[in-house]
Each structure stands twice: as C-alpha cells, then as structure tokens.
Amino acid sequence: MKLITRLAMILSFFVMVQYAYAASNSIIVDQIGSSSTINFTQTGLGNSIGDATNHAIINGNSNAITIDQIGNNNTAAYSVDGNGNTLTHTFTGNFNDLSLLCVTCSMITMTDTVYGNGNIISRNFDTSSSTSTIDINSDNNDVTINNDSTAISGAQSAVDISGGNGNTVQIRQTGAASTSGHNANLTIVGATNTVNIDQGGGIDSSVTATITGSGNTMSINSNY
C-alpha cells in the first residue's frame, strides 16, 4: 500500500511539472541603453513579450535584439526608439502575433522568419531609414508593413514566401525619399496569395515582384 501511495505521489508530481513547463509566461521589457545584445527564447503555448497595452521597450542605439518563440499562440509586441538597431525574430509554430512599432528611429534593420501557419506580422515605422526582410515558409499568414521614410536611401522591404499558400501581404512605403528611393522586393512560390503594394512620395520608387503559382492576386500602386 505504501508503495502504491508513493508511486501515485511521484506520478502526480511529474504531471504538475509537465503542466508548469507547458504553461504560458509573460515578459515585460523596459531596456534603456546602447550597444546591448538581448536574446529572448520562449518555448510553449500562449507566451508573450509585451502586449497591446504594455509594449516591450527597447530604447537606445546600436542594440541587437533576437526573439525566438517556439510554439503556438505566442505574442511579441514591442517598440524601438534609437539609431542603428538590429532586430531578428523567428516564429516556429501557428497563430502567433508580432507587432513592432518604431516612431523615432533610423538605420534600423529587421529580419523575421516564419515557420508555421496563421501568423500575423505587423510593422509600423516613422523613421528616416529602414531595411525590412520577412521570410515565410508556410500558409495563411498575414504581413503588414507601413513605412514613412524621409531618408535619402528611403525604405527597403523584402518579403519572400517560399512554398506557402493563402498568405496576405500589404506594403505601404511613403516619404520624400530620393537617390536610392523606396524599394519593395517580393518573391512568391505558392498559390492563392494576395499582395497589395502602395509606394511613393519621392523621386524614386522600385517594385520587383516574382510570382510562381496559380490563383495569386496582386495590386501595385507605385509613385502615387
């Protein structure tokens, strides 16, 4: 009888540990400073780094931020202020949500990689210069890039959908760019994807789109 009771206690403890490991966790960040290297890794379901009400804050110059979320229904919502920051984000899972806001920043470089379905990526910038790259390897994801750039080099955005279907991509880049100007580069291998690109405001506007697949829908409005 004692052996059975002890075994039951051990099994109960094991279940509790497994449940705690799978439970969600939340990180609130308020980073002020320059030349920092910050790495976040979350594994499980329903994790968050910031939220719609309280964004994670990265404030400073030349910071390198890496976020890796593995699992489903995770959220990353953060704001970046400063110059020369580099942001790298990877989703491995389904129905995750990334929101990035940059109001007073310049020379920012962002790279997102998505392995999973039904993810949402939203980027909103009011910056002098930015380079934005998004790689999608799955289906039914939603990407929105809004960029108002006044830099000579303009706004640079690249979206690569490789073997994914039913994705939606919206890119809007404005501002008085010249010389290099705004540039949107889109590559799609897949079917039934929807793309809307609005780009203008300065002298130069370049849109390059390469699509391989059937049933895709594209609307491009350049130098409007």
Protein backbone atom coordinates (compact mmCIF):
# COMPACT_ATOMS: atom_id res chain seq x y z
CA MET A 1 0.00 0.00 0.00
CA LYS A 2 2.86 2.38 0.83
CA LEU A 3 4.49 1.58 -2.49
CA ILE A 4 1.28 2.41 -4.38
CA THR A 5 0.86 5.69 -2.47
CA ARG A 6 4.47 6.70 -3.11
CA LEU A 7 4.15 5.87 -6.80
CA ALA A 8 0.95 7.91 -7.04
CA MET A 9 2.72 10.89 -5.43
CA ILE A 10 5.62 10.63 -7.91
CA LEU A 11 3.26 10.47 -10.89
CA SER A 12 1.27 13.43 -9.55
CA PHE A 13 4.46 15.49 -9.19
CA PHE A 14 5.54 14.56 -12.73
CA VAL A 15 2.21 15.75 -14.14
CA MET A 16 2.48 19.03 -12.24
CA VAL A 17 5.99 19.66 -13.61
CA GLN A 18 4.90 18.88 -17.15
CA TYR A 19 1.96 21.25 -16.81
CA ALA A 20 4.16 24.04 -15.44
CA TYR A 21 6.57 23.63 -18.34
CA ALA A 22 3.73 23.93 -20.87
CA ALA A 23 2.11 26.91 -19.16
CA SER A 24 2.40 30.37 -20.63
CA ASN A 25 4.83 33.01 -19.39
CA SER A 26 4.98 36.76 -19.88
CA ILE A 27 8.00 39.08 -20.20
CA ILE A 28 7.77 42.86 -19.80
CA VAL A 29 10.86 44.73 -21.01
CA ASP A 30 11.98 48.31 -20.46
CA GLN A 31 15.50 48.48 -21.92
CA ILE A 32 17.35 51.82 -21.94
CA GLY A 33 20.92 51.93 -23.18
CA SER A 34 23.13 51.40 -26.20
CA SER A 35 25.28 48.63 -27.71
CA SER A 36 23.42 45.88 -25.85
CA THR A 37 22.84 42.30 -27.04
CA ILE A 38 19.45 40.97 -25.94
CA ASN A 39 18.20 37.43 -26.61
CA PHE A 40 14.70 36.15 -25.78
CA THR A 41 13.69 32.49 -26.18
CA GLN A 42 10.21 31.24 -25.27
CA THR A 43 9.02 27.68 -25.69
CA GLY A 44 5.42 26.63 -25.16
CA LEU A 45 1.91 27.95 -25.69
CA GLY A 46 0.48 31.42 -25.13
CA ASN A 47 3.75 33.14 -24.21
CA SER A 48 4.15 36.90 -24.58
CA ILE A 49 6.85 39.55 -24.77
CA GLY A 50 4.91 42.73 -24.11
CA ASP A 51 1.29 43.08 -25.17
CA ALA A 52 -1.04 45.51 -26.95
CA THR A 53 -1.30 47.68 -23.82
CA ASN A 54 2.27 47.47 -22.50
CA HIS A 55 4.79 47.13 -25.30
CA ALA A 56 8.25 45.85 -24.54
CA ILE A 57 10.50 48.92 -24.80
CA ILE A 58 13.91 48.99 -26.49
CA ASN A 59 15.36 52.49 -26.20
CA GLY A 60 18.91 53.22 -27.33
CA ASN A 61 21.38 52.92 -30.18
CA SER A 62 23.20 50.00 -31.84
CA ASN A 63 21.33 47.33 -29.91
CA ALA A 64 20.98 43.75 -31.23
CA ILE A 65 17.68 42.10 -30.25
CA THR A 66 16.88 38.46 -31.04
CA ILE A 67 13.47 36.92 -30.27
CA ASP A 68 12.82 33.20 -30.79
CA GLN A 69 9.31 31.94 -29.99
CA ILE A 70 8.63 28.22 -30.37
CA GLY A 71 5.04 27.06 -30.02
CA ASN A 72 1.53 28.29 -30.76
CA ASN A 73 -0.47 31.42 -29.85
CA ASN A 74 2.56 33.43 -28.75
CA THR A 75 2.69 37.25 -28.83
CA ALA A 76 5.53 39.74 -29.22
CA ALA A 77 4.65 43.44 -29.07
CA TYR A 78 7.47 45.92 -28.73
CA SER A 79 8.53 49.47 -29.51
CA VAL A 80 12.01 50.52 -30.62
CA ASP A 81 13.49 54.02 -30.39
CA GLY A 82 17.05 54.84 -31.39
CA ASN A 83 19.53 54.51 -34.21
CA GLY A 84 21.30 51.56 -35.80
CA ASN A 85 19.33 48.82 -34.02
CA THR A 86 19.14 45.28 -35.43
CA LEU A 87 16.06 43.13 -34.75
CA THR A 88 15.73 39.42 -35.53
CA HIS A 89 12.56 37.45 -34.85
CA THR A 90 11.70 33.78 -35.52
CA PHE A 91 8.28 32.15 -35.18
CA THR A 92 8.16 28.35 -35.11
CA GLY A 93 4.52 27.47 -34.64
CA ASN A 94 0.99 28.54 -35.50
CA PHE A 95 -1.24 31.55 -34.79
CA ASN A 96 1.49 33.76 -33.36
CA ASP A 97 1.32 37.56 -33.39
CA LEU A 98 4.22 40.01 -33.84
CA SER A 99 3.71 43.78 -33.60
CA LEU A 100 6.63 46.20 -33.97
CA LEU A 101 6.41 49.99 -33.62
CA CYS A 102 9.25 52.37 -34.44
CA VAL A 103 8.49 56.11 -34.06
CA THR A 104 11.80 57.92 -33.56
CA CYS A 105 14.45 55.69 -35.05
CA SER A 106 16.78 55.48 -38.03
CA MET A 107 19.02 52.95 -39.78
CA ILE A 108 17.01 50.06 -38.36
CA THR A 109 17.38 46.53 -39.77
CA MET A 110 14.68 43.89 -39.19
CA THR A 111 14.53 40.22 -40.17
CA ASP A 112 11.56 37.92 -39.47
CA THR A 113 11.39 34.20 -40.28
CA VAL A 114 8.10 32.32 -40.02
CA TYR A 115 7.71 28.53 -39.83
CA GLY A 116 4.03 27.91 -39.21
CA ASN A 117 0.50 28.81 -40.25
CA GLY A 118 -1.89 31.62 -39.38
CA ASN A 119 0.74 34.01 -38.02
CA ILE A 120 0.35 37.82 -38.02
CA ILE A 121 3.28 40.22 -38.54
CA SER A 122 2.70 43.96 -38.29
CA ARG A 123 5.38 46.65 -38.66
CA ASN A 124 4.75 50.37 -38.36
CA PHE A 125 7.62 52.81 -38.85
CA ASP A 126 8.06 56.54 -38.91
CA THR A 127 11.79 56.54 -39.49
CA SER A 128 14.48 58.08 -41.62
CA SER A 129 15.85 54.77 -42.90
CA SER A 130 14.90 51.11 -42.55
CA THR A 131 15.55 47.69 -44.07
CA SER A 132 12.84 45.10 -43.56
CA THR A 133 13.07 41.40 -44.54
CA ILE A 134 10.39 38.75 -43.96
CA ASP A 135 10.72 35.06 -44.91
CA ILE A 136 7.58 32.87 -44.80
CA ASN A 137 7.63 29.11 -45.28
CA SER A 138 4.00 28.23 -44.59
CA ASP A 139 0.32 29.07 -45.20
CA ASN A 140 -2.32 31.66 -44.29
CA ASN A 141 -0.01 34.23 -42.72
CA ASP A 142 -0.73 37.98 -42.67
CA VAL A 143 2.07 40.55 -43.19
CA THR A 144 1.61 44.34 -42.95
CA ILE A 145 4.43 46.87 -43.40
CA ASN A 146 3.74 50.60 -43.04
CA ASN A 147 6.82 52.75 -43.50
CA ASP A 148 7.12 56.53 -43.73
CA SER A 149 10.76 57.28 -44.52
CA THR A 150 12.43 60.64 -45.20
CA ALA A 151 15.96 59.30 -45.70
CA ILE A 152 17.85 59.60 -48.98
CA SER A 153 18.07 55.80 -49.07
CA GLY A 154 14.32 55.51 -48.46
CA ALA A 155 12.56 52.42 -47.18
CA GLN A 156 13.70 48.95 -48.20
CA SER A 157 11.33 45.98 -47.82
CA ALA A 158 11.67 42.37 -48.96
CA VAL A 159 9.11 39.60 -48.49
CA ASP A 160 9.87 36.03 -49.55
CA ILE A 161 7.07 33.44 -49.47
CA SER A 162 8.52 30.04 -50.27
CA GLY A 163 6.03 27.22 -50.77
CA GLY A 164 3.23 28.96 -48.88
CA ASN A 165 -0.42 29.38 -49.86
CA GLY A 166 -3.18 31.77 -48.87
CA ASN A 167 -0.86 34.43 -47.41
CA THR A 168 -1.72 38.16 -47.39
CA VAL A 169 0.99 40.80 -47.82
CA GLN A 170 0.39 44.56 -47.55
CA ILE A 171 3.28 47.00 -48.02
CA ARG A 172 2.86 50.78 -47.84
CA GLN A 173 6.01 52.92 -48.11
CA THR A 174 5.88 56.71 -48.28
CA GLY A 175 8.06 59.72 -47.58
CA ALA A 176 10.30 62.08 -49.53
CA ALA A 177 12.99 59.59 -50.48
CA SER A 178 15.40 60.22 -53.33
CA THR A 179 18.66 58.85 -54.79
CA SER A 180 18.07 55.17 -53.88
CA GLY A 181 14.40 55.74 -53.08
CA HIS A 182 11.85 53.28 -51.76
CA ASN A 183 12.27 49.68 -52.79
CA ALA A 184 9.90 46.71 -52.45
CA ASN A 185 11.07 43.26 -53.46
CA LEU A 186 8.58 40.41 -53.39
CA THR A 187 9.08 36.72 -54.23
CA ILE A 188 6.22 34.22 -54.04
CA VAL A 189 6.23 30.48 -54.69
CA GLY A 190 2.73 29.25 -53.93
CA ALA A 191 -0.95 29.69 -54.73
CA THR A 192 -3.86 31.98 -53.77
CA ASN A 193 -1.66 34.61 -52.14
CA THR A 194 -2.85 38.25 -52.02
CA VAL A 195 -0.44 41.19 -52.36
CA ASN A 196 -1.09 44.95 -52.14
CA ILE A 197 1.81 47.39 -52.56
CA ASP A 198 1.44 51.19 -52.36
CA GLN A 199 4.67 53.09 -52.73
CA GLY A 200 5.50 56.71 -53.48
CA GLY A 201 6.27 60.14 -52.13
CA GLY A 202 9.67 60.83 -53.69
CA ILE A 203 11.62 60.70 -56.90
CA ASP A 204 12.46 57.02 -57.00
CA SER A 205 10.17 54.04 -56.48
CA SER A 206 11.13 50.49 -57.35
CA VAL A 207 8.92 47.41 -57.09
CA THR A 208 10.16 43.97 -58.12
CA ALA A 209 7.74 41.04 -57.93
CA THR A 210 8.42 37.45 -58.93
CA ILE A 211 5.46 35.08 -58.60
CA THR A 212 5.35 31.35 -59.29
CA GLY A 213 1.99 29.70 -58.72
CA SER A 214 -1.69 29.92 -59.56
CA GLY A 215 -4.57 31.98 -58.27
CA ASN A 216 -2.42 34.79 -56.82
CA THR A 217 -3.82 38.34 -56.65
CA MET A 218 -1.58 41.43 -56.85
CA SER A 219 -2.18 45.19 -56.75
CA ILE A 220 0.74 47.61 -57.18
CA ASN A 221 0.46 51.39 -56.95
CA SER A 222 3.88 52.96 -57.45
CA ASN A 223 4.79 56.68 -57.19
CA TYR A 224 1.24 57.56 -56.31
